[in-house]
C-alpha atoms as a PDB file:
ATOM      1  CA  MET A   1       1.262 -19.161   9.250  1.00  0.00           C
ATOM      2  CA  VAL A   2      -1.766 -19.489  10.999  1.00  0.00           C
ATOM      3  CA  ILE A   3      -1.255 -15.818  11.879  1.00  0.00           C
ATOM      4  CA  THR A   4      -1.176 -14.381   8.581  1.00  0.00           C
ATOM      5  CA  LEU A   5      -4.340 -16.325   7.181  1.00  0.00           C
ATOM      6  CA  MET A   6      -5.861 -15.771  10.643  1.00  0.00           C
ATOM      7  CA  ILE A   7      -5.870 -11.467  10.376  1.00  0.00           C
ATOM      8  CA  GLY A   8      -6.808 -11.613   6.007  1.00  0.00           C
ATOM      9  CA  SER A   9     -10.092 -13.585   6.635  1.00  0.00           C
ATOM     10  CA  PHE A  10     -10.042 -11.424   9.663  1.00  0.00           C
ATOM     11  CA  VAL A  11     -10.180  -8.431   7.443  1.00  0.00           C
ATOM     12  CA  ALA A  12     -12.146  -9.400   4.773  1.00  0.00           C
ATOM     13  CA  ILE A  13     -15.228 -10.173   7.269  1.00  0.00           C
ATOM     14  CA  LEU A  14     -14.426  -6.976   8.180  1.00  0.00           C
ATOM     15  CA  ASN A  15     -14.240  -4.676   4.993  1.00  0.00           C
ATOM     16  CA  GLN A  16     -17.118  -7.020   3.816  1.00  0.00           C
ATOM     17  CA  THR A  17     -19.249  -5.227   7.782  1.00  0.00           C
ATOM     18  CA  LEU A  18     -17.800  -2.214   7.479  1.00  0.00           C
ATOM     19  CA  MET A  19     -19.722  -1.219   4.497  1.00  0.00           C
ATOM     20  CA  ILE A  20     -22.764  -2.647   6.391  1.00  0.00           C
ATOM     21  CA  SER A  21     -23.184  -0.209   9.050  1.00  0.00           C
ATOM     22  CA  ALA A  22     -21.847   2.667   7.456  1.00  0.00           C
ATOM     23  CA  LEU A  23     -25.914   2.576   5.546  1.00  0.00           C
ATOM     24  CA  PRO A  24     -27.662   4.118   7.993  1.00  0.00           C
ATOM     25  CA  THR A  25     -25.311   7.232   8.149  1.00  0.00           C
ATOM     26  CA  LEU A  26     -25.264   7.572   3.816  1.00  0.00           C
ATOM     27  CA  MET A  27     -28.804   6.949   3.993  1.00  0.00           C
ATOM     28  CA  HIS A  28     -29.489  10.027   6.604  1.00  0.00           C
ATOM     29  CA  GLU A  29     -26.683  12.651   5.217  1.00  0.00           C
ATOM     30  CA  PHE A  30     -28.622  11.372   0.846  1.00  0.00           C
ATOM     31  CA  ASP A  31     -31.260  11.957   1.487  1.00  0.00           C
ATOM     32  CA  VAL A  32     -31.632   8.659  -0.479  1.00  0.00           C
ATOM     33  CA  PRO A  33     -33.780   5.747   0.509  1.00  0.00           C
ATOM     34  CA  SER A  34     -33.275   2.011   1.752  1.00  0.00           C
ATOM     35  CA  SER A  35     -33.569   1.269  -1.855  1.00  0.00           C
ATOM     36  CA  THR A  36     -31.019   3.431  -3.517  1.00  0.00           C
ATOM     37  CA  VAL A  37     -28.478   2.707  -0.987  1.00  0.00           C
ATOM     38  CA  GLN A  38     -28.824  -1.636  -1.169  1.00  0.00           C
ATOM     39  CA  TRP A  39     -27.494  -0.530  -4.507  1.00  0.00           C
ATOM     40  CA  LEU A  40     -24.607   0.599  -3.005  1.00  0.00           C
ATOM     41  CA  THR A  41     -23.769  -2.886  -1.207  1.00  0.00           C
ATOM     42  CA  THR A  42     -24.062  -4.751  -4.235  1.00  0.00           C
ATOM     43  CA  GLY A  43     -21.435  -1.925  -6.299  1.00  0.00           C
ATOM     44  CA  PHE A  44     -19.031  -2.670  -3.628  1.00  0.00           C
ATOM     45  CA  MET A  45     -19.639  -6.017  -3.806  1.00  0.00           C
ATOM     46  CA  LEU A  46     -18.954  -6.775  -7.504  1.00  0.00           C
ATOM     47  CA  THR A  47     -16.558  -4.853  -6.579  1.00  0.00           C
ATOM     48  CA  ASN A  48     -14.724  -6.498  -4.665  1.00  0.00           C
ATOM     49  CA  GLY A  49     -15.843  -9.757  -6.488  1.00  0.00           C
ATOM     50  CA  ILE A  50     -14.092  -8.072  -9.346  1.00  0.00           C
ATOM     51  CA  MET A  51     -10.626  -7.852  -7.909  1.00  0.00           C
ATOM     52  CA  ILE A  52     -10.375 -10.707  -6.760  1.00  0.00           C
ATOM     53  CA  PRO A  53      -9.655 -12.895  -9.479  1.00  0.00           C
ATOM     54  CA  ILE A  54      -7.862  -8.778 -11.219  1.00  0.00           C
ATOM     55  CA  THR A  55      -5.526  -9.326  -7.777  1.00  0.00           C
ATOM     56  CA  ALA A  56      -4.258 -13.851  -8.441  1.00  0.00           C
ATOM     57  CA  PHE A  57      -3.465 -11.726 -11.794  1.00  0.00           C
ATOM     58  CA  LEU A  58      -1.186  -9.105 -10.085  1.00  0.00           C
ATOM     59  CA  ILE A  59       0.060 -11.667  -7.776  1.00  0.00           C
ATOM     60  CA  GLU A  60       1.210 -14.012 -10.556  1.00  0.00           C
ATOM     61  CA  THR A  61       2.578 -11.086 -12.541  1.00  0.00           C
ATOM     62  CA  PHE A  62       4.535  -9.463 -10.770  1.00  0.00           C
ATOM     63  CA  THR A  63       6.372  -9.015  -6.610  1.00  0.00           C
ATOM     64  CA  THR A  64       4.799  -8.934  -3.756  1.00  0.00           C
ATOM     65  CA  ARG A  65       6.536  -5.985  -2.807  1.00  0.00           C
ATOM     66  CA  GLN A  66       6.380  -4.624  -6.470  1.00  0.00           C
ATOM     67  CA  LEU A  67       2.876  -4.233  -6.323  1.00  0.00           C
ATOM     68  CA  PHE A  68       2.753  -3.365  -2.071  1.00  0.00           C
ATOM     69  CA  LEU A  69       4.684  -1.068  -3.026  1.00  0.00           C
ATOM     70  CA  TYR A  70       2.351   0.878  -6.384  1.00  0.00           C
ATOM     71  CA  ALA A  71      -0.513   0.104  -4.290  1.00  0.00           C
ATOM     72  CA  MET A  72       0.972   2.666  -2.188  1.00  0.00           C
ATOM     73  CA  ASP A  73       1.827   5.183  -4.780  1.00  0.00           C
ATOM     74  CA  ILE A  74      -1.990   5.220  -5.426  1.00  0.00           C
ATOM     75  CA  PHE A  75      -2.843   5.489  -2.321  1.00  0.00           C
ATOM     76  CA  ALA A  76      -0.769   8.382  -1.249  1.00  0.00           C
ATOM     77  CA  GLU A  77      -1.611  10.527  -3.876  1.00  0.00           C
END
């Protein structure tokens, strides 16, 4: 159980830091200033914040297996 929680925490932290490390590349590729790219970080964190309660609702409504298969189906398309 502890290992599962540690992996989940690691993935959550990794999720936030990956966006930050991509900002210079996004600025260069799309030729936008840093103030514009900062909105990407805000939008990314806002989306994560919105998805947390939605995910909690889905976990209460469906089984973990159903959610996993549905997510893999969406990801594969």
